[in-house]
Protein backbone atom coordinates (compact mmCIF):
# COMPACT_ATOMS: atom_id res chain seq x y z
CA MET A 1 0.02 -0.02 0.02
CA THR A 2 1.28 3.52 -0.80
CA HIS A 3 2.22 5.79 2.06
CA ASP A 4 -0.84 8.06 1.57
CA PRO A 5 -3.30 5.85 -0.33
CA LEU A 6 -6.35 7.35 -2.05
CA VAL A 7 -9.44 6.36 -0.11
CA THR A 8 -12.88 6.25 -1.70
CA ILE A 9 -15.91 6.88 0.52
CA LEU A 10 -18.70 5.18 -1.35
CA ILE A 11 -22.20 6.53 -0.44
CA ASN A 12 -25.26 4.62 -1.70
CA ASN A 13 -28.53 6.57 -1.79
CA TYR A 14 -32.08 6.01 -2.63
CA ASN A 15 -34.62 8.70 -1.66
CA TYR A 16 -32.78 9.67 1.51
CA GLY A 17 -32.39 13.35 0.49
CA ARG A 18 -33.33 14.45 4.04
CA PHE A 19 -30.19 12.73 5.44
CA LEU A 20 -27.86 12.95 2.36
CA ARG A 21 -26.18 16.20 3.19
CA ASP A 22 -25.05 14.95 6.62
CA ALA A 23 -23.50 11.82 5.08
CA ILE A 24 -21.73 13.79 2.34
CA GLU A 25 -20.42 16.46 4.76
CA SER A 26 -19.17 13.76 7.15
CA ALA A 27 -17.23 12.22 4.18
CA LEU A 28 -15.74 15.54 3.09
CA ASP A 29 -14.80 16.53 6.60
CA GLN A 30 -12.31 13.77 7.22
CA THR A 31 -8.99 14.45 9.00
CA TYR A 32 -7.30 12.24 6.39
CA ARG A 33 -7.32 14.41 3.19
CA ASN A 34 -6.52 11.98 0.33
CA VAL A 35 -10.16 11.04 -0.07
CA GLU A 36 -12.59 10.89 -2.99
CA VAL A 37 -16.35 10.83 -2.22
CA VAL A 38 -18.45 8.76 -4.73
CA VAL A 39 -22.18 8.98 -4.35
CA VAL A 40 -24.35 6.51 -6.25
CA ASP A 41 -27.92 7.67 -6.56
CA ASP A 42 -30.13 4.60 -7.27
CA GLY A 43 -32.92 6.38 -9.17
CA SER A 44 -34.13 8.67 -6.44
CA THR A 45 -37.31 10.67 -6.99
CA ASP A 46 -36.92 13.03 -4.09
CA GLU A 47 -34.57 16.03 -3.80
CA SER A 48 -31.40 13.88 -3.73
CA ARG A 49 -30.19 14.77 -7.27
CA GLU A 50 -30.50 18.45 -6.61
CA ILE A 51 -28.41 18.00 -3.52
CA LEU A 52 -25.74 16.13 -5.46
CA ASN A 53 -25.59 18.84 -8.02
CA SER A 54 -25.00 21.47 -5.43
CA TYR A 55 -21.67 19.85 -4.55
CA GLY A 56 -20.24 20.17 -8.08
CA ASN A 57 -16.80 18.60 -8.51
CA ARG A 58 -16.28 18.11 -4.83
CA ILE A 59 -17.87 14.74 -5.24
CA VAL A 60 -18.32 12.07 -7.93
CA SER A 61 -21.96 11.57 -8.67
CA VAL A 62 -23.14 8.29 -10.32
CA LEU A 63 -26.73 8.64 -11.36
CA LYS A 64 -28.51 5.43 -12.34
CA GLU A 65 -31.87 3.89 -12.74
CA ASN A 66 -33.21 2.19 -9.67
CA GLY A 67 -31.81 -1.31 -9.37
CA GLY A 68 -31.30 -1.93 -5.61
CA GLN A 69 -28.35 -1.90 -3.28
CA GLY A 70 -26.41 -4.63 -5.02
CA SER A 71 -26.38 -2.72 -8.29
CA ALA A 72 -25.50 0.50 -6.44
CA PHE A 73 -22.42 -1.16 -4.88
CA ASN A 74 -21.40 -2.47 -8.31
CA ALA A 75 -21.65 0.88 -9.92
CA GLY A 76 -19.85 2.58 -7.06
CA VAL A 77 -16.91 0.18 -7.08
CA THR A 78 -16.58 0.58 -10.81
CA ALA A 79 -16.49 4.35 -10.55
CA SER A 80 -14.03 4.43 -7.55
CA ARG A 81 -10.35 4.86 -7.82
CA GLY A 82 -9.33 4.32 -4.18
CA GLU A 83 -6.91 1.71 -2.89
CA ILE A 84 -9.25 1.55 0.07
CA ILE A 85 -13.05 1.78 -0.15
CA CYS A 86 -15.23 2.77 2.86
CA LEU A 87 -18.96 2.14 2.50
CA LEU A 88 -21.45 4.65 3.93
CA ASP A 89 -25.19 4.48 3.82
CA SER A 90 -26.70 7.88 3.03
CA ASP A 91 -28.70 7.91 6.15
CA ASP A 92 -25.59 7.44 8.35
CA SER A 93 -22.53 9.59 8.90
CA PHE A 94 -18.79 9.09 9.70
CA ASP A 95 -16.74 10.47 12.57
CA PRO A 96 -14.07 12.91 11.32
CA SER A 97 -11.32 10.47 12.15
CA LYS A 98 -12.93 7.37 10.54
CA VAL A 99 -10.63 7.01 7.49
CA GLU A 100 -7.49 7.90 9.35
CA ARG A 101 -8.16 5.26 11.99
CA VAL A 102 -9.04 2.39 9.71
CA ILE A 103 -6.17 2.80 7.18
CA PRO A 104 -3.52 1.12 9.43
CA HIS A 105 -5.61 -2.04 9.58
CA CYS A 106 -6.28 -2.41 5.80
CA VAL A 107 -3.90 -5.07 4.81
CA PRO A 108 -4.14 -6.70 1.30
CA GLY A 109 -7.21 -8.78 0.70
CA SER A 110 -8.93 -7.46 3.83
CA MET A 111 -12.30 -6.23 5.05
CA VAL A 112 -12.18 -4.07 8.19
CA TYR A 113 -15.19 -3.44 10.39
CA HIS A 114 -15.81 -1.37 13.47
CA ARG A 115 -18.56 -0.46 15.88
CA LEU A 116 -21.32 2.19 15.34
CA ARG A 117 -23.32 4.30 17.77
CA LEU A 118 -27.07 4.43 17.45
CA ASP A 119 -28.54 7.82 16.66
CA PRO A 120 -30.69 8.66 18.43
CA GLY A 121 -29.97 6.89 21.70
CA GLY A 122 -26.21 7.01 22.00
CA GLU A 123 -25.91 3.18 22.44
CA LEU A 124 -23.08 1.38 20.62
CA PHE A 125 -24.22 -0.91 17.83
CA PRO A 126 -22.54 -4.18 18.78
CA GLY A 127 -20.00 -5.50 16.32
CA SER A 128 -20.27 -9.22 15.58
CA SER A 129 -18.12 -11.66 17.42
CA ALA A 130 -14.72 -12.60 15.93
CA GLY A 131 -16.20 -15.83 14.58
CA ASP A 132 -14.19 -18.86 13.61
CA ALA A 133 -10.47 -18.48 13.00
CA ASP A 134 -10.92 -20.46 9.75
CA PRO A 135 -14.24 -19.39 8.09
CA TYR A 136 -13.73 -21.76 5.14
CA GLY A 137 -13.14 -24.65 7.57
CA TYR A 138 -16.23 -23.59 9.39
CA ALA A 139 -18.25 -23.61 6.12
CA GLN A 140 -16.96 -27.10 5.39
CA ARG A 141 -18.21 -28.35 8.66
CA TYR A 142 -21.49 -26.41 8.85
CA ARG A 143 -22.21 -25.52 5.22
CA PHE A 144 -22.66 -21.82 5.88
CA VAL A 145 -20.85 -18.92 7.57
CA PRO A 146 -22.18 -16.40 10.08
CA TYR A 147 -22.27 -12.60 9.42
CA VAL A 148 -19.07 -11.32 11.05
CA GLY A 149 -19.11 -7.67 10.62
CA SER A 150 -21.05 -4.48 11.28
CA PRO A 151 -23.77 -2.81 9.13
CA THR A 152 -22.78 -1.25 5.87
CA SER A 153 -21.40 1.99 7.35
CA GLY A 154 -18.88 0.13 9.44
CA LEU A 155 -17.36 -1.79 6.50
CA THR A 156 -14.05 -0.95 4.72
CA PHE A 157 -12.51 -3.04 1.89
CA ARG A 158 -9.07 -3.15 0.27
CA ARG A 159 -9.61 -2.53 -3.43
CA ASP A 160 -8.26 -6.09 -4.34
CA LEU A 161 -10.94 -7.70 -2.21
CA ALA A 162 -13.65 -5.37 -3.38
CA LEU A 163 -12.87 -6.31 -6.98
CA ARG A 164 -12.94 -9.88 -6.10
CA LEU A 165 -16.39 -9.66 -4.45
CA THR A 166 -18.06 -7.62 -7.18
CA PRO A 167 -20.13 -7.57 -9.26
CA LEU A 168 -22.86 -8.63 -6.86
CA PRO A 169 -25.97 -10.32 -8.25
CA THR A 170 -28.72 -7.75 -8.61
CA GLU A 171 -32.09 -9.45 -9.38
CA ASP A 172 -32.72 -10.65 -5.86
CA VAL A 173 -30.51 -8.18 -3.94
CA ARG A 174 -32.33 -4.96 -3.72
CA LYS A 175 -31.29 -4.51 -0.02
CA CYS A 176 -29.02 -6.27 2.53
CA ALA A 177 -26.26 -6.55 -0.10
CA ASP A 178 -23.74 -6.37 2.77
CA ASP A 179 -24.72 -9.99 3.46
CA PHE A 180 -22.92 -10.89 0.21
CA LEU A 181 -19.95 -8.73 0.85
CA VAL A 182 -19.35 -9.74 4.50
CA ARG A 183 -19.79 -13.47 4.03
CA GLY A 184 -17.87 -13.35 0.81
CA ALA A 185 -14.98 -11.60 2.51
CA ALA A 186 -14.98 -14.23 5.27
CA LEU A 187 -14.60 -17.00 2.74
CA THR A 188 -12.16 -15.46 0.28
CA GLY A 189 -10.39 -12.74 2.13
CA LYS A 190 -9.33 -11.55 5.63
CA VAL A 191 -11.71 -10.11 8.12
CA ILE A 192 -10.43 -7.75 10.77
CA GLY A 193 -12.67 -6.31 13.48
CA ILE A 194 -11.55 -3.27 15.51
CA PRO A 195 -13.21 -1.92 18.69
CA ASP A 196 -13.31 1.72 17.56
CA VAL A 197 -16.69 3.54 17.28
CA LEU A 198 -16.36 5.47 14.07
CA ALA A 199 -19.78 6.16 12.58
CA ASN A 200 -23.36 7.05 13.55
CA TYR A 201 -26.03 4.60 12.59
CA ARG A 202 -29.32 6.69 12.25
CA VAL A 203 -32.50 4.67 13.44
CA HIS A 204 -35.55 5.70 11.65
CA GLY A 205 -38.70 4.06 10.13
CA GLY A 206 -37.03 3.39 6.77
CA ASN A 207 -33.99 1.41 7.90
CA ALA A 208 -33.66 -1.85 5.99
CA TRP A 209 -30.86 -3.56 7.94
CA TYR A 210 -31.70 -2.69 11.53
CA PHE A 211 -35.36 -3.68 11.44
CA THR A 212 -35.04 -6.78 9.25
CA GLN A 213 -32.49 -8.95 10.97
CA GLY A 214 -34.84 -11.91 10.77
CA GLN A 215 -35.51 -14.31 7.89
CA LYS A 216 -34.68 -13.41 4.34
CA SER A 217 -36.65 -14.56 1.40
CA ARG A 218 -35.89 -17.86 -0.15
CA GLN A 219 -34.94 -16.10 -3.40
CA PHE A 220 -32.40 -14.02 -1.47
CA LEU A 221 -30.87 -17.04 0.35
CA VAL A 222 -30.63 -19.10 -2.88
CA ALA A 223 -28.87 -16.08 -4.58
CA LEU A 224 -26.56 -15.75 -1.64
CA GLU A 225 -25.61 -19.47 -1.64
CA GLY A 226 -24.95 -19.40 -5.35
CA TYR A 227 -22.81 -16.35 -5.14
CA LEU A 228 -20.73 -17.65 -2.24
CA ASN A 229 -20.10 -20.87 -4.01
CA ARG A 230 -19.06 -19.11 -7.25
CA LYS A 231 -16.62 -17.01 -5.25
CA LEU A 232 -15.19 -20.07 -3.63
CA ILE A 233 -14.68 -21.73 -7.05
CA GLU A 234 -13.03 -18.52 -8.31
CA VAL A 235 -10.39 -18.81 -5.61
CA GLY A 236 -9.80 -22.51 -6.16
CA ARG A 237 -11.84 -23.81 -3.30
CA ALA A 238 -14.69 -26.30 -3.19
CA PRO A 239 -18.20 -24.92 -3.22
CA VAL A 240 -19.37 -26.06 0.23
CA ILE A 241 -22.23 -23.66 0.95
CA ASP A 242 -25.54 -25.35 1.22
CA PHE A 243 -27.75 -23.18 3.42
CA TYR A 244 -30.96 -25.27 3.49
CA HIS A 245 -28.90 -28.21 4.89
CA SER A 246 -27.15 -26.16 7.44
CA LEU A 247 -27.92 -25.48 11.13
CA PHE A 248 -28.56 -21.85 10.16
CA ALA A 249 -31.73 -22.89 8.26
CA VAL A 250 -33.68 -24.12 11.35
CA THR A 251 -36.20 -21.28 11.08
CA ASP A 252 -36.21 -21.19 7.31
CA VAL A 253 -37.21 -24.76 6.50
CA PRO A 254 -40.87 -25.73 6.77
CA GLN A 255 -41.80 -25.78 10.47
CA CYS A 256 -43.20 -29.40 10.41
CA PRO A 257 -41.88 -32.55 12.08
CA GLY A 258 -40.60 -34.14 8.89
CA ALA A 259 -38.72 -31.12 7.58
CA LEU A 260 -37.05 -30.47 10.98
CA ALA A 261 -36.12 -34.08 11.52
CA ARG A 262 -34.50 -34.32 8.04
CA LEU A 263 -32.50 -31.09 8.69
CA ALA A 264 -31.37 -32.31 12.16
CA LEU A 265 -30.07 -35.62 10.76
CA SER A 266 -28.48 -34.12 7.69
CA VAL A 267 -26.47 -31.63 9.76
CA PHE A 268 -25.30 -34.27 12.19
CA ARG A 269 -24.33 -36.78 9.51
CA HIS A 270 -22.44 -34.28 7.47
CA HIS A 271 -20.13 -33.44 10.43
CA ALA A 272 -20.57 -35.17 13.70
CA ASN A 273 -19.33 -33.17 16.67
CA LEU A 274 -20.73 -31.73 19.87
CA VAL A 275 -22.23 -28.68 18.05
CA THR A 276 -24.11 -30.76 15.54
CA LEU A 277 -25.08 -33.33 18.20
CA ARG A 278 -26.73 -30.57 20.38
CA PHE A 279 -28.31 -29.09 17.21
CA MET A 280 -29.70 -32.47 16.23
CA LEU A 281 -31.12 -33.20 19.68
CA LYS A 282 -32.68 -29.80 20.09
CA THR A 283 -34.20 -29.82 16.53
CA LEU A 284 -35.52 -33.38 16.97
CA ALA A 285 -37.07 -32.32 20.27
CA LYS A 286 -38.80 -29.43 18.48
CA ALA A 287 -39.93 -31.76 15.76
CA GLY A 288 -41.32 -34.12 18.38
CA ARG A 289 -43.32 -31.34 20.11
CA LEU A 290 -44.72 -30.28 16.80
CA ALA A 291 -45.81 -33.87 16.07
CA ILE A 292 -47.68 -34.02 19.34
CA VAL A 293 -49.37 -30.65 18.79
CA SER A 294 -50.18 -31.04 15.15
CA PRO A 295 -53.05 -33.53 15.44
CA VAL A 296 -54.70 -31.33 18.12
CA SER A 297 -54.37 -28.31 15.88
CA GLN A 298 -55.86 -30.22 12.98
CA GLU A 299 -58.78 -31.39 15.06
CA VAL A 300 -59.48 -27.82 16.25
CA SER A 301 -59.33 -26.40 12.75
CA SER A 302 -61.62 -29.01 11.39
């Protein structure tokens, strides 16, 4: 890495004009000066584009038709020049020292993540646990990988890894595209978590990530599984991701005795250890309870 690398702050925006200036100003007001600010507007119909025009050549504006967050990230990475790329949602903002403090951690092939404070509220958004020391080995055992990272505004990528992870699929990835980036980074790069609190996560009624931490659609998960397996193949590894046969799928498979029992046995047979044994016993117990309750429910409904 060069002594003073160019850093891209990549802002993705869709109809968040009421917050957009705060995000842009926080990007322009960094203590580290060798920064370019790229704002991708994903077909906004509010005042967003007028706001972008008001900044002139202080920012790079990428104006596109609405295609969702995955397509916005693709367009932004393509337009960027930075050796390091910091992601920022347009309803969030960076601390002034954000870029300066993440640069030392950005080794080749890495994704760096940090903590965020909630705004309003002042509480720290918890960063995920460090996870398994060998994410690919974890995926081999359990057929999936956990999300080890923060929300979008806490994520920074070295350019080599960003280019490896993009383009993201777009058809089923209109939001929560960070699922692809974070899990892809774990499997094909190096993930580094730091305890610093370097951004504000704005909590409001339109948040996609904060209020939708539960189940994703089947289309989304199938797209994620296919993407991760393709990335593994690209780096010479076996495609081991199989979400619907992993212990992560316990709330995503049909909640009936047969489906739960098949999942429990599949997980244990694939890799027998204490983790999968506990999962199998717990899931079989749940299947058993449903088997007992189901006839009663059917009788009542009839």
